[in-house]
PDB file of N, CA and C in Angstrom:
ATOM      1  N   UNK A   1     -39.022   3.786 -25.402  1.00  0.00           N
ATOM      2  CA  UNK A   1     -37.609   3.523 -25.292  1.00  0.00           C
ATOM      3  C   UNK A   1     -37.147   2.884 -26.599  1.00  0.00           C
ATOM      4  N   UNK A   2     -36.191   3.513 -27.236  1.00  0.00           N
ATOM      5  CA  UNK A   2     -35.735   3.043 -28.531  1.00  0.00           C
ATOM      6  C   UNK A   2     -34.642   1.996 -28.379  1.00  0.00           C
ATOM      7  N   UNK A   3     -34.356   1.337 -29.480  1.00  0.00           N
ATOM      8  CA  UNK A   3     -33.301   0.322 -29.482  1.00  0.00           C
ATOM      9  C   UNK A   3     -31.936   0.940 -29.226  1.00  0.00           C
ATOM     10  N   UNK A   4     -31.739   2.143 -29.739  1.00  0.00           N
ATOM     11  CA  UNK A   4     -30.460   2.811 -29.537  1.00  0.00           C
ATOM     12  C   UNK A   4     -30.215   3.101 -28.064  1.00  0.00           C
ATOM     13  N   UNK A   5     -31.274   3.490 -27.353  1.00  0.00           N
ATOM     14  CA  UNK A   5     -31.129   3.782 -25.931  1.00  0.00           C
ATOM     15  C   UNK A   5     -30.831   2.512 -25.132  1.00  0.00           C
ATOM     16  N   UNK A   6     -31.484   1.425 -25.499  1.00  0.00           N
ATOM     17  CA  UNK A   6     -31.239   0.151 -24.819  1.00  0.00           C
ATOM     18  C   UNK A   6     -29.797  -0.294 -25.047  1.00  0.00           C
ATOM     19  N   UNK A   7     -29.316  -0.161 -26.270  1.00  0.00           N
ATOM     20  CA  UNK A   7     -27.936  -0.521 -26.581  1.00  0.00           C
ATOM     21  C   UNK A   7     -26.963   0.387 -25.834  1.00  0.00           C
ATOM     22  N   UNK A   8     -27.280   1.677 -25.776  1.00  0.00           N
ATOM     23  CA  UNK A   8     -26.439   2.619 -25.032  1.00  0.00           C
ATOM     24  C   UNK A   8     -26.400   2.259 -23.552  1.00  0.00           C
ATOM     25  N   UNK A   9     -27.547   1.926 -22.979  1.00  0.00           N
ATOM     26  CA  UNK A   9     -27.617   1.564 -21.571  1.00  0.00           C
ATOM     27  C   UNK A   9     -26.849   0.275 -21.289  1.00  0.00           C
ATOM     28  N   UNK A  10     -26.986  -0.710 -22.166  1.00  0.00           N
ATOM     29  CA  UNK A  10     -26.248  -1.957 -22.001  1.00  0.00           C
ATOM     30  C   UNK A  10     -24.742  -1.734 -22.129  1.00  0.00           C
ATOM     31  N   UNK A  11     -24.342  -0.887 -23.086  1.00  0.00           N
ATOM     32  CA  UNK A  11     -22.923  -0.584 -23.260  1.00  0.00           C
ATOM     33  C   UNK A  11     -22.369   0.126 -22.023  1.00  0.00           C
ATOM     34  N   UNK A  12     -23.143   1.058 -21.483  1.00  0.00           N
ATOM     35  CA  UNK A  12     -22.709   1.782 -20.288  1.00  0.00           C
ATOM     36  C   UNK A  12     -22.607   0.847 -19.086  1.00  0.00           C
ATOM     37  N   UNK A  13     -23.543  -0.085 -18.963  1.00  0.00           N
ATOM     38  CA  UNK A  13     -23.507  -1.044 -17.852  1.00  0.00           C
ATOM     39  C   UNK A  13     -22.296  -1.967 -17.971  1.00  0.00           C
ATOM     40  N   UNK A  14     -22.025  -2.456 -19.173  1.00  0.00           N
ATOM     41  CA  UNK A  14     -20.861  -3.323 -19.370  1.00  0.00           C
ATOM     42  C   UNK A  14     -19.552  -2.578 -19.149  1.00  0.00           C
ATOM     43  N   UNK A  15     -19.486  -1.338 -19.607  1.00  0.00           N
ATOM     44  CA  UNK A  15     -18.286  -0.532 -19.398  1.00  0.00           C
ATOM     45  C   UNK A  15     -18.054  -0.286 -17.914  1.00  0.00           C
ATOM     46  N   UNK A  16     -19.121  -0.003 -17.199  1.00  0.00           N
ATOM     47  CA  UNK A  16     -19.003   0.209 -15.755  1.00  0.00           C
ATOM     48  C   UNK A  16     -18.536  -1.066 -15.058  1.00  0.00           C
ATOM     49  N   UNK A  17     -19.097  -2.201 -15.434  1.00  0.00           N
ATOM     50  CA  UNK A  17     -18.693  -3.471 -14.826  1.00  0.00           C
ATOM     51  C   UNK A  17     -17.230  -3.786 -15.122  1.00  0.00           C
ATOM     52  N   UNK A  18     -16.797  -3.531 -16.340  1.00  0.00           N
ATOM     53  CA  UNK A  18     -15.390  -3.779 -16.691  1.00  0.00           C
ATOM     54  C   UNK A  18     -14.452  -2.837 -15.953  1.00  0.00           C
ATOM     55  N   UNK A  19     -14.842  -1.583 -15.814  1.00  0.00           N
ATOM     56  CA  UNK A  19     -14.003  -0.627 -15.086  1.00  0.00           C
ATOM     57  C   UNK A  19     -13.905  -0.982 -13.609  1.00  0.00           C
ATOM     58  N   UNK A  20     -14.965  -1.517 -13.048  1.00  0.00           N
ATOM     59  CA  UNK A  20     -14.945  -1.902 -11.641  1.00  0.00           C
ATOM     60  C   UNK A  20     -14.092  -3.149 -11.428  1.00  0.00           C
ATOM     61  N   UNK A  21     -14.169  -4.085 -12.347  1.00  0.00           N
ATOM     62  CA  UNK A  21     -13.437  -5.345 -12.178  1.00  0.00           C
ATOM     63  C   UNK A  21     -11.972  -5.255 -12.598  1.00  0.00           C
ATOM     64  N   UNK A  22     -11.619  -4.306 -13.450  1.00  0.00           N
ATOM     65  CA  UNK A  22     -10.270  -4.246 -14.023  1.00  0.00           C
ATOM     66  C   UNK A  22      -9.151  -4.117 -12.991  1.00  0.00           C
ATOM     67  N   UNK A  23      -9.218  -3.220 -12.013  1.00  0.00           N
ATOM     68  CA  UNK A  23      -8.094  -3.125 -11.069  1.00  0.00           C
ATOM     69  C   UNK A  23      -7.878  -4.398 -10.256  1.00  0.00           C
ATOM     70  N   UNK A  24      -8.966  -4.992  -9.814  1.00  0.00           N
ATOM     71  CA  UNK A  24      -8.847  -6.196  -8.994  1.00  0.00           C
ATOM     72  C   UNK A  24      -8.309  -7.353  -9.823  1.00  0.00           C
ATOM     73  N   UNK A  25      -8.865  -7.554 -11.017  1.00  0.00           N
ATOM     74  CA  UNK A  25      -8.396  -8.642 -11.866  1.00  0.00           C
ATOM     75  C   UNK A  25      -6.965  -8.418 -12.334  1.00  0.00           C
ATOM     76  N   UNK A  26      -6.623  -7.174 -12.636  1.00  0.00           N
ATOM     77  CA  UNK A  26      -5.260  -6.874 -13.089  1.00  0.00           C
ATOM     78  C   UNK A  26      -4.228  -7.138 -12.008  1.00  0.00           C
ATOM     79  N   UNK A  27      -4.513  -6.711 -10.783  1.00  0.00           N
ATOM     80  CA  UNK A  27      -3.578  -6.945  -9.694  1.00  0.00           C
ATOM     81  C   UNK A  27      -3.483  -8.433  -9.378  1.00  0.00           C
ATOM     82  N   UNK A  28      -4.603  -9.133  -9.411  1.00  0.00           N
ATOM     83  CA  UNK A  28      -4.573 -10.586  -9.206  1.00  0.00           C
ATOM     84  C   UNK A  28      -3.775 -11.294 -10.282  1.00  0.00           C
ATOM     85  N   UNK A  29      -3.889 -10.819 -11.520  1.00  0.00           N
ATOM     86  CA  UNK A  29      -3.137 -11.404 -12.626  1.00  0.00           C
ATOM     87  C   UNK A  29      -1.641 -11.178 -12.462  1.00  0.00           C
ATOM     88  N   UNK A  30      -1.258  -9.959 -12.108  1.00  0.00           N
ATOM     89  CA  UNK A  30       0.162  -9.643 -11.944  1.00  0.00           C
ATOM     90  C   UNK A  30       0.771 -10.446 -10.794  1.00  0.00           C
ATOM     91  N   UNK A  31       0.067 -10.518  -9.670  1.00  0.00           N
ATOM     92  CA  UNK A  31       0.582 -11.277  -8.525  1.00  0.00           C
ATOM     93  C   UNK A  31       0.672 -12.759  -8.869  1.00  0.00           C
ATOM     94  N   UNK A  32      -0.325 -13.285  -9.545  1.00  0.00           N
ATOM     95  CA  UNK A  32      -0.288 -14.685  -9.963  1.00  0.00           C
ATOM     96  C   UNK A  32       0.860 -14.972 -10.910  1.00  0.00           C
ATOM     97  N   UNK A  33       1.121 -14.045 -11.833  1.00  0.00           N
ATOM     98  CA  UNK A  33       2.230 -14.222 -12.767  1.00  0.00           C
ATOM     99  C   UNK A  33       3.575 -14.179 -12.056  1.00  0.00           C
ATOM    100  N   UNK A  34       3.728 -13.261 -11.115  1.00  0.00           N
ATOM    101  CA  UNK A  34       4.988 -13.173 -10.357  1.00  0.00           C
ATOM    102  C   UNK A  34       5.204 -14.442  -9.539  1.00  0.00           C
ATOM    103  N   UNK A  35       4.168 -14.931  -8.883  1.00  0.00           N
ATOM    104  CA  UNK A  35       4.288 -16.157  -8.095  1.00  0.00           C
ATOM    105  C   UNK A  35       4.577 -17.348  -9.001  1.00  0.00           C
ATOM    106  N   UNK A  36       3.962 -17.405 -10.170  1.00  0.00           N
ATOM    107  CA  UNK A  36       4.216 -18.508 -11.102  1.00  0.00           C
ATOM    108  C   UNK A  36       5.662 -18.491 -11.592  1.00  0.00           C
ATOM    109  N   UNK A  37       6.187 -17.308 -11.878  1.00  0.00           N
ATOM    110  CA  UNK A  37       7.591 -17.205 -12.303  1.00  0.00           C
ATOM    111  C   UNK A  37       8.509 -17.617 -11.154  1.00  0.00           C
ATOM    112  N   UNK A  38       8.179 -17.187  -9.940  1.00  0.00           N
ATOM    113  CA  UNK A  38       8.965 -17.572  -8.768  1.00  0.00           C
ATOM    114  C   UNK A  38       8.944 -19.086  -8.568  1.00  0.00           C
ATOM    115  N   UNK A  39       7.773 -19.685  -8.741  1.00  0.00           N
ATOM    116  CA  UNK A  39       7.663 -21.132  -8.591  1.00  0.00           C
ATOM    117  C   UNK A  39       8.433 -21.861  -9.686  1.00  0.00           C
ATOM    118  N   UNK A  40       8.404 -21.332 -10.897  1.00  0.00           N
ATOM    119  CA  UNK A  40       9.110 -21.985 -11.997  1.00  0.00           C
ATOM    120  C   UNK A  40      10.622 -21.898 -11.823  1.00  0.00           C
ATOM    121  N   UNK A  41      11.090 -20.773 -11.323  1.00  0.00           N
ATOM    122  CA  UNK A  41      12.544 -20.631 -11.157  1.00  0.00           C
ATOM    123  C   UNK A  41      13.077 -21.426  -9.978  1.00  0.00           C
ATOM    124  N   UNK A  42      12.279 -21.547  -8.916  1.00  0.00           N
ATOM    125  CA  UNK A  42      12.737 -22.293  -7.748  1.00  0.00           C
ATOM    126  C   UNK A  42      12.268 -23.742  -7.760  1.00  0.00           C
ATOM    127  N   UNK A  43      11.465 -24.117  -8.715  1.00  0.00           N
ATOM    128  CA  UNK A  43      10.907 -25.465  -8.872  1.00  0.00           C
ATOM    129  C   UNK A  43      10.103 -25.904  -7.649  1.00  0.00           C
ATOM    130  N   UNK A  44       9.472 -24.948  -6.992  1.00  0.00           N
ATOM    131  CA  UNK A  44       8.542 -25.251  -5.898  1.00  0.00           C
ATOM    132  C   UNK A  44       7.164 -25.363  -6.528  1.00  0.00           C
ATOM    133  N   UNK A  45       6.577 -26.536  -6.470  1.00  0.00           N
ATOM    134  CA  UNK A  45       5.290 -26.756  -7.116  1.00  0.00           C
ATOM    135  C   UNK A  45       4.165 -26.917  -6.097  1.00  0.00           C
ATOM    136  N   UNK A  46       4.146 -26.068  -5.115  1.00  0.00           N
ATOM    137  CA  UNK A  46       3.101 -26.080  -4.103  1.00  0.00           C
ATOM    138  C   UNK A  46       1.915 -25.249  -4.607  1.00  0.00           C
ATOM    139  N   UNK A  47       0.764 -25.879  -4.743  1.00  0.00           N
ATOM    140  CA  UNK A  47      -0.402 -25.205  -5.312  1.00  0.00           C
ATOM    141  C   UNK A  47      -0.996 -24.166  -4.374  1.00  0.00           C
ATOM    142  N   UNK A  48      -0.884 -24.385  -3.084  1.00  0.00           N
ATOM    143  CA  UNK A  48      -1.481 -23.443  -2.137  1.00  0.00           C
ATOM    144  C   UNK A  48      -0.654 -22.173  -1.991  1.00  0.00           C
ATOM    145  N   UNK A  49       0.567 -22.169  -2.498  1.00  0.00           N
ATOM    146  CA  UNK A  49       1.431 -20.995  -2.385  1.00  0.00           C
ATOM    147  C   UNK A  49       0.884 -19.807  -3.171  1.00  0.00           C
ATOM    148  N   UNK A  50       0.122 -20.057  -4.220  1.00  0.00           N
ATOM    149  CA  UNK A  50      -0.386 -18.954  -5.042  1.00  0.00           C
ATOM    150  C   UNK A  50      -1.612 -18.274  -4.443  1.00  0.00           C
ATOM    151  N   UNK A  51      -2.368 -18.980  -3.622  1.00  0.00           N
ATOM    152  CA  UNK A  51      -3.636 -18.440  -3.160  1.00  0.00           C
ATOM    153  C   UNK A  51      -3.486 -17.311  -2.140  1.00  0.00           C
ATOM    154  N   UNK A  52      -2.614 -17.476  -1.173  1.00  0.00           N
ATOM    155  CA  UNK A  52      -2.489 -16.475  -0.111  1.00  0.00           C
ATOM    156  C   UNK A  52      -2.030 -15.121  -0.649  1.00  0.00           C
ATOM    157  N   UNK A  53      -0.972 -15.048  -1.470  1.00  0.00           N
ATOM    158  CA  UNK A  53      -0.594 -13.729  -2.003  1.00  0.00           C
ATOM    159  C   UNK A  53      -1.679 -13.102  -2.883  1.00  0.00           C
ATOM    160  N   UNK A  54      -2.399 -13.934  -3.643  1.00  0.00           N
ATOM    161  CA  UNK A  54      -3.479 -13.392  -4.480  1.00  0.00           C
ATOM    162  C   UNK A  54      -4.603 -12.826  -3.623  1.00  0.00           C
ATOM    163  N   UNK A  55      -4.966 -13.545  -2.572  1.00  0.00           N
ATOM    164  CA  UNK A  55      -6.034 -13.065  -1.698  1.00  0.00           C
ATOM    165  C   UNK A  55      -5.638 -11.759  -1.030  1.00  0.00           C
ATOM    166  N   UNK A  56      -4.408 -11.694  -0.544  1.00  0.00           N
ATOM    167  CA  UNK A  56      -3.928 -10.473   0.094  1.00  0.00           C
ATOM    168  C   UNK A  56      -3.900  -9.323  -0.907  1.00  0.00           C
ATOM    169  N   UNK A  57      -3.417  -9.594  -2.122  1.00  0.00           N
ATOM    170  CA  UNK A  57      -3.338  -8.543  -3.146  1.00  0.00           C
ATOM    171  C   UNK A  57      -4.731  -8.053  -3.544  1.00  0.00           C
ATOM    172  N   UNK A  58      -5.680  -8.964  -3.666  1.00  0.00           N
ATOM    173  CA  UNK A  58      -7.043  -8.564  -4.031  1.00  0.00           C
ATOM    174  C   UNK A  58      -7.682  -7.757  -2.909  1.00  0.00           C
ATOM    175  N   UNK A  59      -7.459  -8.144  -1.668  1.00  0.00           N
ATOM    176  CA  UNK A  59      -7.997  -7.368  -0.553  1.00  0.00           C
ATOM    177  C   UNK A  59      -7.382  -5.976  -0.499  1.00  0.00           C
ATOM    178  N   UNK A  60      -6.083  -5.880  -0.733  1.00  0.00           N
ATOM    179  CA  UNK A  60      -5.439  -4.559  -0.771  1.00  0.00           C
ATOM    180  C   UNK A  60      -5.969  -3.725  -1.938  1.00  0.00           C
ATOM    181  N   UNK A  61      -6.215  -4.377  -3.079  1.00  0.00           N
ATOM    182  CA  UNK A  61      -6.774  -3.653  -4.227  1.00  0.00           C
ATOM    183  C   UNK A  61      -8.165  -3.132  -3.916  1.00  0.00           C
ATOM    184  N   UNK A  62      -8.956  -3.918  -3.212  1.00  0.00           N
ATOM    185  CA  UNK A  62     -10.294  -3.458  -2.825  1.00  0.00           C
ATOM    186  C   UNK A  62     -10.196  -2.278  -1.866  1.00  0.00           C
ATOM    187  N   UNK A  63      -9.238  -2.339  -0.931  1.00  0.00           N
ATOM    188  CA  UNK A  63      -9.060  -1.220  -0.010  1.00  0.00           C
ATOM    189  C   UNK A  63      -8.598   0.043  -0.725  1.00  0.00           C
ATOM    190  N   UNK A  64      -7.699  -0.110  -1.692  1.00  0.00           N
ATOM    191  CA  UNK A  64      -7.162   1.052  -2.394  1.00  0.00           C
ATOM    192  C   UNK A  64      -8.173   1.622  -3.386  1.00  0.00           C
ATOM    193  N   UNK A  65      -8.780   0.752  -4.188  1.00  0.00           N
ATOM    194  CA  UNK A  65      -9.668   1.209  -5.256  1.00  0.00           C
ATOM    195  C   UNK A  65     -11.146   1.175  -4.871  1.00  0.00           C
ATOM    196  N   UNK A  66     -11.460   0.800  -3.634  1.00  0.00           N
ATOM    197  CA  UNK A  66     -12.856   0.639  -3.227  1.00  0.00           C
ATOM    198  C   UNK A  66     -13.675   1.908  -3.330  1.00  0.00           C
ATOM    199  N   UNK A  67     -13.122   3.030  -2.892  1.00  0.00           N
ATOM    200  CA  UNK A  67     -13.892   4.278  -2.941  1.00  0.00           C
ATOM    201  C   UNK A  67     -14.121   4.717  -4.383  1.00  0.00           C
ATOM    202  N   UNK A  68     -13.128   4.512  -5.243  1.00  0.00           N
ATOM    203  CA  UNK A  68     -13.294   4.856  -6.658  1.00  0.00           C
ATOM    204  C   UNK A  68     -14.357   3.976  -7.300  1.00  0.00           C
ATOM    205  N   UNK A  69     -14.336   2.671  -6.989  1.00  0.00           N
ATOM    206  CA  UNK A  69     -15.329   1.759  -7.552  1.00  0.00           C
ATOM    207  C   UNK A  69     -16.725   2.109  -7.059  1.00  0.00           C
ATOM    208  N   UNK A  70     -16.832   2.456  -5.782  1.00  0.00           N
ATOM    209  CA  UNK A  70     -18.131   2.835  -5.228  1.00  0.00           C
ATOM    210  C   UNK A  70     -18.649   4.116  -5.870  1.00  0.00           C
ATOM    211  N   UNK A  71     -17.780   5.100  -6.064  1.00  0.00           N
ATOM    212  CA  UNK A  71     -18.196   6.340  -6.724  1.00  0.00           C
ATOM    213  C   UNK A  71     -18.638   6.090  -8.156  1.00  0.00           C
ATOM    214  N   UNK A  72     -17.963   5.175  -8.843  1.00  0.00           N
ATOM    215  CA  UNK A  72     -18.344   4.822 -10.209  1.00  0.00           C
ATOM    216  C   UNK A  72     -19.730   4.176 -10.232  1.00  0.00           C
ATOM    217  N   UNK A  73     -19.968   3.273  -9.299  1.00  0.00           N
ATOM    218  CA  UNK A  73     -21.288   2.630  -9.210  1.00  0.00           C
ATOM    219  C   UNK A  73     -22.380   3.621  -8.826  1.00  0.00           C
ATOM    220  N   UNK A  74     -22.076   4.516  -7.909  1.00  0.00           N
ATOM    221  CA  UNK A  74     -23.060   5.525  -7.510  1.00  0.00           C
ATOM    222  C   UNK A  74     -23.396   6.440  -8.681  1.00  0.00           C
ATOM    223  N   UNK A  75     -22.391   6.844  -9.443  1.00  0.00           N
ATOM    224  CA  UNK A  75     -22.637   7.681 -10.620  1.00  0.00           C
ATOM    225  C   UNK A  75     -23.496   6.984 -11.655  1.00  0.00           C
ATOM    226  N   UNK A  76     -23.210   5.701 -11.902  1.00  0.00           N
ATOM    227  CA  UNK A  76     -24.024   4.943 -12.858  1.00  0.00           C
ATOM    228  C   UNK A  76     -25.458   4.810 -12.363  1.00  0.00           C
ATOM    229  N   UNK A  77     -25.628   4.517 -11.081  1.00  0.00           N
ATOM    230  CA  UNK A  77     -26.968   4.354 -10.520  1.00  0.00           C
ATOM    231  C   UNK A  77     -27.735   5.665 -10.524  1.00  0.00           C
ATOM    232  N   UNK A  78     -27.084   6.758 -10.178  1.00  0.00           N
ATOM    233  CA  UNK A  78     -27.752   8.057 -10.208  1.00  0.00           C
ATOM    234  C   UNK A  78     -28.164   8.420 -11.629  1.00  0.00           C
ATOM    235  N   UNK A  79     -27.318   8.127 -12.599  1.00  0.00           N
ATOM    236  CA  UNK A  79     -27.659   8.377 -14.000  1.00  0.00           C
ATOM    237  C   UNK A  79     -28.856   7.527 -14.421  1.00  0.00           C
ATOM    238  N   UNK A  80     -28.854   6.276 -13.998  1.00  0.00           N
ATOM    239  CA  UNK A  80     -29.948   5.378 -14.341  1.00  0.00           C
ATOM    240  C   UNK A  80     -31.258   5.827 -13.700  1.00  0.00           C
ATOM    241  N   UNK A  81     -31.223   6.161 -12.420  1.00  0.00           N
ATOM    242  CA  UNK A  81     -32.433   6.623 -11.743  1.00  0.00           C
ATOM    243  C   UNK A  81     -32.872   8.002 -12.219  1.00  0.00           C
ATOM    244  N   UNK A  82     -31.926   8.824 -12.614  1.00  0.00           N
ATOM    245  CA  UNK A  82     -32.269  10.147 -13.146  1.00  0.00           C
ATOM    246  C   UNK A  82     -33.013  10.062 -14.464  1.00  0.00           C
ATOM    247  N   UNK A  83     -32.705   9.056 -15.266  1.00  0.00           N
ATOM    248  CA  UNK A  83     -33.352   8.870 -16.561  1.00  0.00           C
ATOM    249  C   UNK A  83     -34.491   7.844 -16.495  1.00  0.00           C
ATOM    250  N   UNK A  84     -34.906   7.480 -15.300  1.00  0.00           N
ATOM    251  CA  UNK A  84     -35.927   6.462 -15.139  1.00  0.00           C
ATOM    252  C   UNK A  84     -37.263   6.868 -15.757  1.00  0.00           C
ATOM    253  N   UNK A  85     -37.581   8.141 -15.685  1.00  0.00           N
ATOM    254  CA  UNK A  85     -38.858   8.567 -16.246  1.00  0.00           C
ATOM    255  C   UNK A  85     -38.871   8.416 -17.762  1.00  0.00           C
ATOM    256  N   UNK A  86     -37.744   8.617 -18.420  1.00  0.00           N
ATOM    257  CA  UNK A  86     -37.709   8.428 -19.873  1.00  0.00           C
ATOM    258  C   UNK A  86     -37.623   6.945 -20.244  1.00  0.00           C
ATOM    259  N   UNK A  87     -37.146   6.110 -19.325  1.00  0.00           N
ATOM    260  CA  UNK A  87     -37.063   4.685 -19.609  1.00  0.00           C
ATOM    261  C   UNK A  87     -38.444   4.046 -19.516  1.00  0.00           C
ATOM    262  N   UNK A  88     -39.176   4.384 -18.468  1.00  0.00           N
ATOM    263  CA  UNK A  88     -40.476   3.737 -18.218  1.00  0.00           C
ATOM    264  C   UNK A  88     -41.556   4.266 -19.150  1.00  0.00           C
ATOM    265  N   UNK A  89     -41.662   5.549 -19.243  1.00  0.00           N
ATOM    266  CA  UNK A  89     -42.709   6.240 -20.035  1.00  0.00           C
ATOM    267  C   UNK A  89     -44.018   5.559 -19.909  1.00  0.00           C
TER     268      UNK A  89
END
């Protein structure tokens, strides 16, 4: 196993992890920003007000993007197991 292959595998793993986390983190960020703007304009400084909408938004994001994320993980795992014989040698 060469250094280039290890770097390629690490890059592919990081890219897969970022692609899986991006929709959930992005939706959580947008909802948090909207709630923060709402709190700033209404001067409501309740800290627990931000958690419930974020949790609901993240759960909805998991429901919407869950099958895509699972397919992405399955593809990465199948690729990894398919090339296992060249990795181990």
